[in-house]
Amino acid sequence: MNLPEFEDRLVSEEIEAEESHDATHAVKSGKAIAEALVKFPKVRERGAKSRAKAGAVQQRTPASGSESKLASGSIGQSQFPFFLDEHIAALPNHLLRTPLFAPIQPCKERREYNDTQLPSPQGVTAKWKGTQLDMADQEVFMLALKLAQGVALNTPVRCDRAAFFKALGWKPSRTTGSFGTSAYEWLNKSFRRLTGTLSIETNRYNAHLPLVASWVQDKDTGEWEFTISSNILKLFQNNEFSFIDLAKRRQIKKRIHMAKWLQSYAMSHRRGLHQISVEHLKEWCGYNSPTRKFREALREALEELERVGVLLDVRFYKDDTMVRWVRGPA
């Protein structure tokens, strides 16, 4: 199922201006996600009971026009909404318009933030306390949210880490058929980074919370679990979240980190024409090099998104100080 078909299954009231439910992590398949939980039947059973309690997925009917909206009140008090398609993830709009998940090179030294304000569009104040996050951390967070579907929030989600890597699209060693120590250390560090504290204020809410409440590994049994706080639901209320097409994301081959950030940003706006200044994009993605270098990276990343079908008709104008595109169906 592609993203337009998925969106057309969702229904809700119209929302205002730049808010969008439209849908961004590299989940291999629904089978891979199931495998990540397969060794822990109690969690699956708990999730099944939670789904039954919440009424699972609501009945959906096509909305008028080319877009559909998630039904009002479909996000329960103790669960995330269900995004059942394995190629789709979801994140809050306001996070996708900041450098909270920055398009930095993995080898680059990470900054340490101490309630540091992040660049963001007018009307949003976002601060981060903790180690700088990158696009790989965004993908870990999206998969964690995906695995948390159907499990009551504030309840540990037990996970097989090897299956988690496969769901991320990673491949085990050809020699050993397993993932090395360095991979597991990286995953632990990513979850440690995600336990940093986000402070965000919009015209609808003021929140102070970790992205991941906690994670624990039992070294004797090898069991590994993470917990998502129920407070995270505040960021998803009022349809202020977007769907991200993971299949399209996996097709990105050039300017990967910048292109992934731009995909996230683009999906946080309505389908159709979007116009923005180059300087605003440079600021909101946290790019620190000169504008000339940023424009070059931006052009190549946008061309890549146009190639894979995320964006259409990308054009720079006003002496390359402005850029416009049409958000495609993905």
C-alpha atoms as a PDB file:
ATOM      1  CA  MET A   1       0.000   0.000   0.000  1.00  0.00           C
ATOM      2  CA  ASN A   2       1.398   3.428  -0.898  1.00  0.00           C
ATOM      3  CA  LEU A   3       1.050   6.538   1.230  1.00  0.00           C
ATOM      4  CA  PRO A   4      -1.902   8.136  -0.629  1.00  0.00           C
ATOM      5  CA  GLU A   5      -3.905   4.901  -0.265  1.00  0.00           C
ATOM      6  CA  PHE A   6      -3.013   4.779   3.420  1.00  0.00           C
ATOM      7  CA  GLU A   7      -3.998   8.411   3.936  1.00  0.00           C
ATOM      8  CA  ASP A   8      -7.280   7.832   2.170  1.00  0.00           C
ATOM      9  CA  ARG A   9      -8.197   5.312   4.879  1.00  0.00           C
ATOM     10  CA  LEU A  10      -8.038   7.991   7.544  1.00  0.00           C
ATOM     11  CA  VAL A  11     -10.783  10.470   8.329  1.00  0.00           C
ATOM     12  CA  SER A  12     -11.107  13.535  10.558  1.00  0.00           C
ATOM     13  CA  GLU A  13     -12.260  17.128  10.762  1.00  0.00           C
ATOM     14  CA  GLU A  14     -10.443  19.729   8.698  1.00  0.00           C
ATOM     15  CA  ILE A  15      -7.506  21.306  10.499  1.00  0.00           C
ATOM     16  CA  GLU A  16      -6.056  24.728   9.981  1.00  0.00           C
ATOM     17  CA  ALA A  17      -3.401  26.134   7.643  1.00  0.00           C
ATOM     18  CA  GLU A  18      -0.027  24.489   7.984  1.00  0.00           C
ATOM     19  CA  GLU A  19      -1.079  21.686  10.343  1.00  0.00           C
ATOM     20  CA  SER A  20      -1.082  18.279   8.700  1.00  0.00           C
ATOM     21  CA  HIS A  21      -1.696  14.675   9.593  1.00  0.00           C
ATOM     22  CA  ASP A  22       0.136  13.611   6.457  1.00  0.00           C
ATOM     23  CA  ALA A  23       2.850  11.538   6.879  1.00  0.00           C
ATOM     24  CA  THR A  24       8.910   9.755   8.552  1.00  0.00           C
ATOM     25  CA  HIS A  25      12.828   5.185   9.553  1.00  0.00           C
ATOM     26  CA  ALA A  26      13.712   2.189   7.870  1.00  0.00           C
ATOM     27  CA  VAL A  27      11.315  -0.550   9.024  1.00  0.00           C
ATOM     28  CA  LYS A  28      11.969  -3.504   6.750  1.00  0.00           C
ATOM     29  CA  SER A  29       8.580  -5.141   6.952  1.00  0.00           C
ATOM     30  CA  GLY A  30       5.698  -5.980   9.218  1.00  0.00           C
ATOM     31  CA  LYS A  31       7.334  -9.362   9.692  1.00  0.00           C
ATOM     32  CA  ALA A  32      10.526  -7.737  10.962  1.00  0.00           C
ATOM     33  CA  ILE A  33       8.556  -5.696  13.481  1.00  0.00           C
ATOM     34  CA  ALA A  34       6.713  -8.790  14.662  1.00  0.00           C
ATOM     35  CA  GLU A  35      10.036 -10.596  15.023  1.00  0.00           C
ATOM     36  CA  ALA A  36      11.298  -7.814  17.266  1.00  0.00           C
ATOM     37  CA  LEU A  37       8.640  -8.799  19.808  1.00  0.00           C
ATOM     38  CA  VAL A  38       8.254 -12.495  19.040  1.00  0.00           C
ATOM     39  CA  LYS A  39      10.381 -13.707  21.961  1.00  0.00           C
ATOM     40  CA  PHE A  40       8.248 -11.878  24.482  1.00  0.00           C
ATOM     41  CA  PRO A  41       4.672 -13.248  24.311  1.00  0.00           C
ATOM     42  CA  LYS A  42       3.560 -11.529  27.532  1.00  0.00           C
ATOM     43  CA  VAL A  43       4.137  -8.142  25.935  1.00  0.00           C
ATOM     44  CA  ARG A  44       2.244  -9.193  22.821  1.00  0.00           C
ATOM     45  CA  GLU A  45      -0.586 -10.502  24.976  1.00  0.00           C
ATOM     46  CA  ARG A  46      -0.627  -7.243  26.942  1.00  0.00           C
ATOM     47  CA  GLY A  47      -0.711  -5.341  23.661  1.00  0.00           C
ATOM     48  CA  ALA A  48      -3.589  -7.440  22.370  1.00  0.00           C
ATOM     49  CA  LYS A  49      -5.588  -6.758  25.516  1.00  0.00           C
ATOM     50  CA  SER A  50      -4.832  -3.043  25.201  1.00  0.00           C
ATOM     51  CA  ARG A  51      -5.990  -3.041  21.593  1.00  0.00           C
ATOM     52  CA  ALA A  52      -9.235  -4.746  22.549  1.00  0.00           C
ATOM     53  CA  LYS A  53      -9.770  -2.199  25.313  1.00  0.00           C
ATOM     54  CA  ALA A  54      -9.110   0.738  23.034  1.00  0.00           C
ATOM     55  CA  GLY A  55     -11.284  -0.623  20.257  1.00  0.00           C
ATOM     56  CA  ALA A  56      -8.134  -1.105  18.165  1.00  0.00           C
ATOM     57  CA  VAL A  57      -8.477   0.603  14.784  1.00  0.00           C
ATOM     58  CA  GLN A  58     -11.582   2.671  14.230  1.00  0.00           C
ATOM     59  CA  GLN A  59     -13.799   2.363  11.195  1.00  0.00           C
ATOM     60  CA  ARG A  60     -12.659   4.772   8.523  1.00  0.00           C
ATOM     61  CA  THR A  61     -14.419   6.285   5.547  1.00  0.00           C
ATOM     62  CA  PRO A  62     -13.087   8.465   2.725  1.00  0.00           C
ATOM     63  CA  ALA A  63     -13.013  12.183   3.419  1.00  0.00           C
ATOM     64  CA  SER A  64     -14.085  14.784   0.920  1.00  0.00           C
ATOM     65  CA  GLY A  65     -11.396  16.218  -1.314  1.00  0.00           C
ATOM     66  CA  SER A  66      -7.984  14.756  -2.025  1.00  0.00           C
ATOM     67  CA  GLU A  67      -6.945  14.434   1.618  1.00  0.00           C
ATOM     68  CA  SER A  68      -8.252  12.464   4.578  1.00  0.00           C
ATOM     69  CA  LYS A  69      -7.990  13.286   8.272  1.00  0.00           C
ATOM     70  CA  LEU A  70      -7.565  11.074  11.295  1.00  0.00           C
ATOM     71  CA  ALA A  71     -10.818  10.823  13.206  1.00  0.00           C
ATOM     72  CA  SER A  72     -11.011  13.249  16.115  1.00  0.00           C
ATOM     73  CA  GLY A  73     -10.300  11.575  19.411  1.00  0.00           C
ATOM     74  CA  SER A  74      -8.822   8.476  17.791  1.00  0.00           C
ATOM     75  CA  ILE A  75      -5.704   8.778  19.936  1.00  0.00           C
ATOM     76  CA  GLY A  76      -6.581   7.043  23.188  1.00  0.00           C
ATOM     77  CA  GLN A  77      -5.551   8.017  26.682  1.00  0.00           C
ATOM     78  CA  SER A  78      -2.949   5.289  27.035  1.00  0.00           C
ATOM     79  CA  GLN A  79      -1.929   4.262  23.520  1.00  0.00           C
ATOM     80  CA  PHE A  80      -0.503   5.606  20.315  1.00  0.00           C
ATOM     81  CA  PRO A  81      -2.686   5.699  17.240  1.00  0.00           C
ATOM     82  CA  PHE A  82      -2.259   2.654  15.013  1.00  0.00           C
ATOM     83  CA  PHE A  83      -0.238   3.040  11.816  1.00  0.00           C
ATOM     84  CA  LEU A  84      -0.449  -0.528  10.645  1.00  0.00           C
ATOM     85  CA  ASP A  85       1.306  -0.231   7.293  1.00  0.00           C
ATOM     86  CA  GLU A  86       4.894  -1.413   7.765  1.00  0.00           C
ATOM     87  CA  HIS A  87       6.191   1.257   5.373  1.00  0.00           C
ATOM     88  CA  ILE A  88       4.755   4.185   7.308  1.00  0.00           C
ATOM     89  CA  ALA A  89       5.892   5.888  10.507  1.00  0.00           C
ATOM     90  CA  ALA A  90       4.694   9.038  12.230  1.00  0.00           C
ATOM     91  CA  LEU A  91       6.239  11.924  14.161  1.00  0.00           C
ATOM     92  CA  PRO A  92       4.932  15.224  15.551  1.00  0.00           C
ATOM     93  CA  ASN A  93       5.017  18.078  13.044  1.00  0.00           C
ATOM     94  CA  HIS A  94       6.789  20.552  15.290  1.00  0.00           C
ATOM     95  CA  LEU A  95       9.738  18.208  15.835  1.00  0.00           C
ATOM     96  CA  LEU A  96      10.183  17.829  12.076  1.00  0.00           C
ATOM     97  CA  ARG A  97      10.640  21.577  11.600  1.00  0.00           C
ATOM     98  CA  THR A  98      13.629  21.879  13.946  1.00  0.00           C
ATOM     99  CA  PRO A  99      17.164  20.421  14.103  1.00  0.00           C
ATOM    100  CA  LEU A 100      16.193  18.186  17.034  1.00  0.00           C
ATOM    101  CA  PHE A 101      17.164  15.347  14.686  1.00  0.00           C
ATOM    102  CA  ALA A 102      19.980  17.033  12.799  1.00  0.00           C
ATOM    103  CA  PRO A 103      21.278  16.080   9.332  1.00  0.00           C
ATOM    104  CA  ILE A 104      24.853  15.655  10.571  1.00  0.00           C
ATOM    105  CA  GLN A 105      27.428  13.095   9.502  1.00  0.00           C
ATOM    106  CA  PRO A 106      27.508  10.071  11.850  1.00  0.00           C
ATOM    107  CA  CYS A 107      31.244  10.508  12.422  1.00  0.00           C
ATOM    108  CA  LYS A 108      30.874  14.163  13.427  1.00  0.00           C
ATOM    109  CA  GLU A 109      31.412  15.021  17.082  1.00  0.00           C
ATOM    110  CA  ARG A 110      28.057  15.598  18.758  1.00  0.00           C
ATOM    111  CA  ARG A 111      27.253  18.729  20.678  1.00  0.00           C
ATOM    112  CA  GLU A 112      26.003  18.671  24.249  1.00  0.00           C
ATOM    113  CA  TYR A 113      22.907  20.780  24.884  1.00  0.00           C
ATOM    114  CA  ASN A 114      21.798  22.194  28.215  1.00  0.00           C
ATOM    115  CA  ASP A 115      18.224  23.397  27.674  1.00  0.00           C
ATOM    116  CA  THR A 116      19.524  24.937  24.455  1.00  0.00           C
ATOM    117  CA  GLN A 117      16.893  26.568  22.276  1.00  0.00           C
ATOM    118  CA  LEU A 118      16.625  25.016  18.829  1.00  0.00           C
ATOM    119  CA  PRO A 119      15.870  27.080  15.718  1.00  0.00           C
ATOM    120  CA  SER A 120      12.206  26.719  14.790  1.00  0.00           C
ATOM    121  CA  PRO A 121       9.419  28.500  12.904  1.00  0.00           C
ATOM    122  CA  GLN A 122       7.559  31.306  14.616  1.00  0.00           C
ATOM    123  CA  GLY A 123       5.072  30.161  17.248  1.00  0.00           C
ATOM    124  CA  VAL A 124       7.162  27.225  18.481  1.00  0.00           C
ATOM    125  CA  THR A 125       9.848  27.252  21.173  1.00  0.00           C
ATOM    126  CA  ALA A 126      11.831  24.016  21.441  1.00  0.00           C
ATOM    127  CA  LYS A 127      14.753  23.259  23.750  1.00  0.00           C
ATOM    128  CA  TRP A 128      16.857  20.137  24.169  1.00  0.00           C
ATOM    129  CA  LYS A 129      18.885  18.961  27.150  1.00  0.00           C
ATOM    130  CA  GLY A 130      21.204  16.114  26.278  1.00  0.00           C
ATOM    131  CA  THR A 131      23.456  14.908  23.482  1.00  0.00           C
ATOM    132  CA  GLN A 132      22.765  16.065  19.932  1.00  0.00           C
ATOM    133  CA  LEU A 133      20.514  13.682  17.962  1.00  0.00           C
ATOM    134  CA  ASP A 134      20.930  12.789  14.296  1.00  0.00           C
ATOM    135  CA  MET A 135      18.771  11.216  11.600  1.00  0.00           C
ATOM    136  CA  ALA A 136      19.728   7.684  12.685  1.00  0.00           C
ATOM    137  CA  ASP A 137      18.395   8.509  16.142  1.00  0.00           C
ATOM    138  CA  GLN A 138      15.190   9.684  14.479  1.00  0.00           C
ATOM    139  CA  GLU A 139      14.825   6.280  12.865  1.00  0.00           C
ATOM    140  CA  VAL A 140      15.401   4.471  16.159  1.00  0.00           C
ATOM    141  CA  PHE A 141      12.760   6.689  17.791  1.00  0.00           C
ATOM    142  CA  MET A 142      10.266   6.059  15.006  1.00  0.00           C
ATOM    143  CA  LEU A 143      10.740   2.305  15.275  1.00  0.00           C
ATOM    144  CA  ALA A 144      10.370   2.473  19.060  1.00  0.00           C
ATOM    145  CA  LEU A 145       7.047   4.292  18.622  1.00  0.00           C
ATOM    146  CA  LYS A 146       5.988   1.733  16.050  1.00  0.00           C
ATOM    147  CA  LEU A 147       6.749  -1.149  18.407  1.00  0.00           C
ATOM    148  CA  ALA A 148       4.909   0.655  21.215  1.00  0.00           C
ATOM    149  CA  GLN A 149       1.645   0.563  19.274  1.00  0.00           C
ATOM    150  CA  GLY A 150      -0.884  -1.569  21.106  1.00  0.00           C
ATOM    151  CA  VAL A 151       1.194  -1.655  24.297  1.00  0.00           C
ATOM    152  CA  ALA A 152      -0.058   0.536  27.118  1.00  0.00           C
ATOM    153  CA  LEU A 153       2.164   3.557  27.564  1.00  0.00           C
ATOM    154  CA  ASN A 154       4.346   3.610  30.670  1.00  0.00           C
ATOM    155  CA  THR A 155       4.607  -0.162  30.192  1.00  0.00           C
ATOM    156  CA  PRO A 156       8.004  -1.598  29.182  1.00  0.00           C
ATOM    157  CA  VAL A 157       8.206  -2.858  25.603  1.00  0.00           C
ATOM    158  CA  ARG A 158      10.479  -5.896  25.488  1.00  0.00           C
ATOM    159  CA  CYS A 159      12.402  -6.304  22.283  1.00  0.00           C
ATOM    160  CA  ASP A 160      14.862  -8.624  20.601  1.00  0.00           C
ATOM    161  CA  ARG A 161      17.721  -6.323  19.618  1.00  0.00           C
ATOM    162  CA  ALA A 162      18.843  -8.368  16.604  1.00  0.00           C
ATOM    163  CA  ALA A 163      15.305  -8.164  15.209  1.00  0.00           C
ATOM    164  CA  PHE A 164      15.309  -4.441  15.998  1.00  0.00           C
ATOM    165  CA  PHE A 165      18.394  -3.998  13.797  1.00  0.00           C
ATOM    166  CA  LYS A 166      16.770  -5.973  10.982  1.00  0.00           C
ATOM    167  CA  ALA A 167      13.684  -3.776  11.242  1.00  0.00           C
ATOM    168  CA  LEU A 168      16.001  -0.783  10.869  1.00  0.00           C
ATOM    169  CA  GLY A 169      17.264  -2.312   7.634  1.00  0.00           C
ATOM    170  CA  TRP A 170      20.643  -3.355   9.019  1.00  0.00           C
ATOM    171  CA  LYS A 171      22.238  -6.613   7.849  1.00  0.00           C
ATOM    172  CA  PRO A 172      24.146  -9.038  10.078  1.00  0.00           C
ATOM    173  CA  SER A 173      27.720 -10.093   9.411  1.00  0.00           C
ATOM    174  CA  ARG A 174      28.061 -12.447   6.461  1.00  0.00           C
ATOM    175  CA  THR A 175      30.665 -14.382   8.392  1.00  0.00           C
ATOM    176  CA  THR A 176      28.885 -14.864  11.723  1.00  0.00           C
ATOM    177  CA  GLY A 177      25.283 -14.195  10.750  1.00  0.00           C
ATOM    178  CA  SER A 178      24.955 -11.908  13.771  1.00  0.00           C
ATOM    179  CA  PHE A 179      25.427  -8.282  14.746  1.00  0.00           C
ATOM    180  CA  GLY A 180      28.678  -7.286  16.402  1.00  0.00           C
ATOM    181  CA  THR A 181      29.323  -5.736  19.781  1.00  0.00           C
ATOM    182  CA  SER A 182      29.795  -2.297  18.237  1.00  0.00           C
ATOM    183  CA  ALA A 183      26.247  -2.404  16.814  1.00  0.00           C
ATOM    184  CA  TYR A 184      24.733  -3.187  20.207  1.00  0.00           C
ATOM    185  CA  GLU A 185      26.827  -0.465  21.824  1.00  0.00           C
ATOM    186  CA  TRP A 186      25.596   2.003  19.213  1.00  0.00           C
ATOM    187  CA  LEU A 187      21.961   1.093  19.889  1.00  0.00           C
ATOM    188  CA  ASN A 188      22.452   1.540  23.628  1.00  0.00           C
ATOM    189  CA  LYS A 189      24.000   4.958  23.022  1.00  0.00           C
ATOM    190  CA  SER A 190      21.154   5.962  20.718  1.00  0.00           C
ATOM    191  CA  PHE A 191      18.546   5.084  23.342  1.00  0.00           C
ATOM    192  CA  ARG A 192      20.616   6.885  25.963  1.00  0.00           C
ATOM    193  CA  ARG A 193      20.552   9.987  23.766  1.00  0.00           C
ATOM    194  CA  LEU A 194      16.783   9.658  23.331  1.00  0.00           C
ATOM    195  CA  THR A 195      16.317   9.844  27.104  1.00  0.00           C
ATOM    196  CA  GLY A 196      17.396  13.492  26.939  1.00  0.00           C
ATOM    197  CA  THR A 197      14.764  16.097  27.792  1.00  0.00           C
ATOM    198  CA  LEU A 198      12.677  18.005  25.265  1.00  0.00           C
ATOM    199  CA  SER A 199      10.960  21.242  26.286  1.00  0.00           C
ATOM    200  CA  ILE A 200       8.502  22.479  23.691  1.00  0.00           C
ATOM    201  CA  GLU A 201       5.850  25.172  23.735  1.00  0.00           C
ATOM    202  CA  THR A 202       3.306  25.807  20.998  1.00  0.00           C
ATOM    203  CA  ASN A 203       0.012  27.678  20.896  1.00  0.00           C
ATOM    204  CA  ARG A 204      -1.691  24.413  21.985  1.00  0.00           C
ATOM    205  CA  TYR A 205       0.577  22.929  24.658  1.00  0.00           C
ATOM    206  CA  ASN A 206       3.666  23.320  26.827  1.00  0.00           C
ATOM    207  CA  ALA A 207       5.562  20.071  27.433  1.00  0.00           C
ATOM    208  CA  HIS A 208       8.747  19.003  29.230  1.00  0.00           C
ATOM    209  CA  LEU A 209       9.547  15.319  28.686  1.00  0.00           C
ATOM    210  CA  PRO A 210      12.038  12.691  27.487  1.00  0.00           C
ATOM    211  CA  LEU A 211      11.478  11.101  24.082  1.00  0.00           C
ATOM    212  CA  VAL A 212      12.147   7.685  25.628  1.00  0.00           C
ATOM    213  CA  ALA A 213      11.385   7.429  29.332  1.00  0.00           C
ATOM    214  CA  SER A 214      13.871   4.635  30.062  1.00  0.00           C
ATOM    215  CA  TRP A 215      15.616   1.555  28.721  1.00  0.00           C
ATOM    216  CA  VAL A 216      16.944  -1.455  30.610  1.00  0.00           C
ATOM    217  CA  GLN A 217      19.071  -4.457  29.672  1.00  0.00           C
ATOM    218  CA  ASP A 218      19.246  -7.621  31.774  1.00  0.00           C
ATOM    219  CA  LYS A 219      22.774  -8.898  31.156  1.00  0.00           C
ATOM    220  CA  ASP A 220      21.979 -12.320  32.614  1.00  0.00           C
ATOM    221  CA  THR A 221      19.006 -13.095  30.375  1.00  0.00           C
ATOM    222  CA  GLY A 222      19.804 -10.767  27.490  1.00  0.00           C
ATOM    223  CA  GLU A 223      16.311  -9.276  27.689  1.00  0.00           C
ATOM    224  CA  TRP A 224      16.140  -5.649  26.639  1.00  0.00           C
ATOM    225  CA  GLU A 225      13.257  -3.245  27.038  1.00  0.00           C
ATOM    226  CA  PHE A 226      12.337   0.411  26.665  1.00  0.00           C
ATOM    227  CA  THR A 227       9.469   2.505  27.985  1.00  0.00           C
ATOM    228  CA  ILE A 228       7.577   5.348  26.282  1.00  0.00           C
ATOM    229  CA  SER A 229       5.914   7.825  28.636  1.00  0.00           C
ATOM    230  CA  SER A 230       2.225   8.556  28.186  1.00  0.00           C
ATOM    231  CA  ASN A 231       3.142  12.255  28.156  1.00  0.00           C
ATOM    232  CA  ILE A 232       4.518  11.815  24.633  1.00  0.00           C
ATOM    233  CA  LEU A 233       0.917  11.636  23.396  1.00  0.00           C
ATOM    234  CA  LYS A 234       0.614  15.389  23.920  1.00  0.00           C
ATOM    235  CA  LEU A 235       2.871  15.900  20.922  1.00  0.00           C
ATOM    236  CA  PHE A 236       0.485  13.874  18.736  1.00  0.00           C
ATOM    237  CA  GLN A 237      -2.776  15.528  19.792  1.00  0.00           C
ATOM    238  CA  ASN A 238      -4.877  17.798  17.539  1.00  0.00           C
ATOM    239  CA  ASN A 239      -3.652  15.913  14.452  1.00  0.00           C
ATOM    240  CA  GLU A 240      -0.300  17.679  14.723  1.00  0.00           C
ATOM    241  CA  PHE A 241       1.699  14.768  13.332  1.00  0.00           C
ATOM    242  CA  SER A 242       2.809  13.589   9.925  1.00  0.00           C
ATOM    243  CA  PHE A 243       3.229  10.273   8.154  1.00  0.00           C
ATOM    244  CA  ILE A 244       6.590   9.400   6.652  1.00  0.00           C
ATOM    245  CA  ASP A 245       6.975   6.955   3.793  1.00  0.00           C
ATOM    246  CA  LEU A 246       9.792   4.622   4.833  1.00  0.00           C
ATOM    247  CA  ALA A 247       9.920   2.836   1.491  1.00  0.00           C
ATOM    248  CA  LYS A 248      10.734   6.139  -0.219  1.00  0.00           C
ATOM    249  CA  ARG A 249      13.280   6.920   2.491  1.00  0.00           C
ATOM    250  CA  ARG A 250      15.141   3.685   1.826  1.00  0.00           C
ATOM    251  CA  GLN A 251      15.546   4.732  -1.813  1.00  0.00           C
ATOM    252  CA  ILE A 252      17.550   7.851  -0.909  1.00  0.00           C
ATOM    253  CA  LYS A 253      21.169   7.409  -2.017  1.00  0.00           C
ATOM    254  CA  LYS A 254      22.658  10.928  -2.240  1.00  0.00           C
ATOM    255  CA  ARG A 255      22.979  13.630   0.422  1.00  0.00           C
ATOM    256  CA  ILE A 256      21.281  11.045   2.616  1.00  0.00           C
ATOM    257  CA  HIS A 257      21.108  12.930   5.914  1.00  0.00           C
ATOM    258  CA  MET A 258      20.028  16.243   4.411  1.00  0.00           C
ATOM    259  CA  ALA A 259      17.498  14.508   2.151  1.00  0.00           C
ATOM    260  CA  LYS A 260      15.981  12.623   5.101  1.00  0.00           C
ATOM    261  CA  TRP A 261      15.626  15.832   7.101  1.00  0.00           C
ATOM    262  CA  LEU A 262      13.999  17.559   4.124  1.00  0.00           C
ATOM    263  CA  GLN A 263      11.638  14.617   3.632  1.00  0.00           C
ATOM    264  CA  SER A 264      10.594  14.959   7.266  1.00  0.00           C
ATOM    265  CA  TYR A 265      10.144  18.711   6.924  1.00  0.00           C
ATOM    266  CA  ALA A 266       8.210  18.447   3.660  1.00  0.00           C
ATOM    267  CA  MET A 267       5.851  15.804   5.025  1.00  0.00           C
ATOM    268  CA  SER A 268       4.950  18.045   7.960  1.00  0.00           C
ATOM    269  CA  HIS A 269       3.119  20.341   5.518  1.00  0.00           C
ATOM    270  CA  ARG A 270       0.100  19.845   3.329  1.00  0.00           C
ATOM    271  CA  ARG A 271       0.312  18.324  -0.113  1.00  0.00           C
ATOM    272  CA  GLY A 272       0.786  20.853  -2.857  1.00  0.00           C
ATOM    273  CA  LEU A 273       2.976  23.912  -3.360  1.00  0.00           C
ATOM    274  CA  HIS A 274       5.415  24.945  -0.633  1.00  0.00           C
ATOM    275  CA  GLN A 275       7.645  28.031  -0.809  1.00  0.00           C
ATOM    276  CA  ILE A 276      10.408  28.798   1.678  1.00  0.00           C
ATOM    277  CA  SER A 277      13.597  30.835   1.882  1.00  0.00           C
ATOM    278  CA  VAL A 278      16.935  29.065   1.709  1.00  0.00           C
ATOM    279  CA  GLU A 279      18.024  30.886   4.880  1.00  0.00           C
ATOM    280  CA  HIS A 280      15.057  29.548   6.845  1.00  0.00           C
ATOM    281  CA  LEU A 281      15.805  25.970   5.800  1.00  0.00           C
ATOM    282  CA  LYS A 282      19.461  26.479   6.687  1.00  0.00           C
ATOM    283  CA  GLU A 283      18.502  27.773  10.127  1.00  0.00           C
ATOM    284  CA  TRP A 284      15.820  25.171  10.918  1.00  0.00           C
ATOM    285  CA  CYS A 285      17.971  22.173   9.968  1.00  0.00           C
ATOM    286  CA  GLY A 286      20.866  23.495  12.048  1.00  0.00           C
ATOM    287  CA  TYR A 287      23.364  23.843   9.192  1.00  0.00           C
ATOM    288  CA  ASN A 288      26.378  25.878  10.313  1.00  0.00           C
ATOM    289  CA  SER A 289      28.476  26.166   7.147  1.00  0.00           C
ATOM    290  CA  PRO A 290      28.247  29.164   4.778  1.00  0.00           C
ATOM    291  CA  THR A 291      25.048  29.627   2.786  1.00  0.00           C
ATOM    292  CA  ARG A 292      26.879  28.886  -0.448  1.00  0.00           C
ATOM    293  CA  LYS A 293      27.771  25.383   0.749  1.00  0.00           C
ATOM    294  CA  PHE A 294      24.317  24.844   2.190  1.00  0.00           C
ATOM    295  CA  ARG A 295      22.638  25.821  -1.081  1.00  0.00           C
ATOM    296  CA  GLU A 296      24.753  23.246  -2.900  1.00  0.00           C
ATOM    297  CA  ALA A 297      23.836  20.508  -0.419  1.00  0.00           C
ATOM    298  CA  LEU A 298      20.189  21.611  -0.464  1.00  0.00           C
ATOM    299  CA  ARG A 299      19.997  21.494  -4.243  1.00  0.00           C
ATOM    300  CA  GLU A 300      21.424  17.964  -4.399  1.00  0.00           C
ATOM    301  CA  ALA A 301      19.182  16.714  -1.584  1.00  0.00           C
ATOM    302  CA  LEU A 302      16.065  18.178  -3.198  1.00  0.00           C
ATOM    303  CA  GLU A 303      17.013  16.646  -6.541  1.00  0.00           C
ATOM    304  CA  GLU A 304      17.285  13.278  -4.777  1.00  0.00           C
ATOM    305  CA  LEU A 305      13.849  13.685  -3.210  1.00  0.00           C
ATOM    306  CA  GLU A 306      12.495  14.601  -6.620  1.00  0.00           C
ATOM    307  CA  ARG A 307      14.105  11.472  -8.081  1.00  0.00           C
ATOM    308  CA  VAL A 308      12.447   9.150  -5.550  1.00  0.00           C
ATOM    309  CA  GLY A 309       9.074  10.879  -5.886  1.00  0.00           C
ATOM    310  CA  VAL A 310       8.768  12.632  -2.531  1.00  0.00           C
ATOM    311  CA  LEU A 311       8.819  16.089  -4.162  1.00  0.00           C
ATOM    312  CA  LEU A 312       7.852  17.377  -7.600  1.00  0.00           C
ATOM    313  CA  ASP A 313       8.822  20.456  -9.627  1.00  0.00           C
ATOM    314  CA  VAL A 314      11.639  21.708  -7.385  1.00  0.00           C
ATOM    315  CA  ARG A 315      12.773  25.212  -8.382  1.00  0.00           C
ATOM    316  CA  PHE A 316      15.064  27.876  -6.962  1.00  0.00           C
ATOM    317  CA  TYR A 317      14.134  31.493  -7.677  1.00  0.00           C
ATOM    318  CA  LYS A 318      14.844  35.100  -6.640  1.00  0.00           C
ATOM    319  CA  ASP A 319      18.557  34.661  -7.311  1.00  0.00           C
ATOM    320  CA  ASP A 320      18.502  31.303  -5.537  1.00  0.00           C
ATOM    321  CA  THR A 321      17.412  32.827  -2.229  1.00  0.00           C
ATOM    322  CA  MET A 322      14.038  31.051  -2.354  1.00  0.00           C
ATOM    323  CA  VAL A 323      13.012  27.507  -3.207  1.00  0.00           C
ATOM    324  CA  ARG A 324       9.651  25.993  -4.045  1.00  0.00           C
ATOM    325  CA  TRP A 325       8.403  22.484  -4.568  1.00  0.00           C
ATOM    326  CA  VAL A 326       5.196  20.525  -4.845  1.00  0.00           C
ATOM    327  CA  ARG A 327       4.815  17.873  -2.178  1.00  0.00           C
ATOM    328  CA  GLY A 328       4.096  14.680  -3.998  1.00  0.00           C
ATOM    329  CA  PRO A 329       1.897  11.799  -2.880  1.00  0.00           C
ATOM    330  CA  ALA A 330       4.701  10.307  -0.730  1.00  0.00           C
END
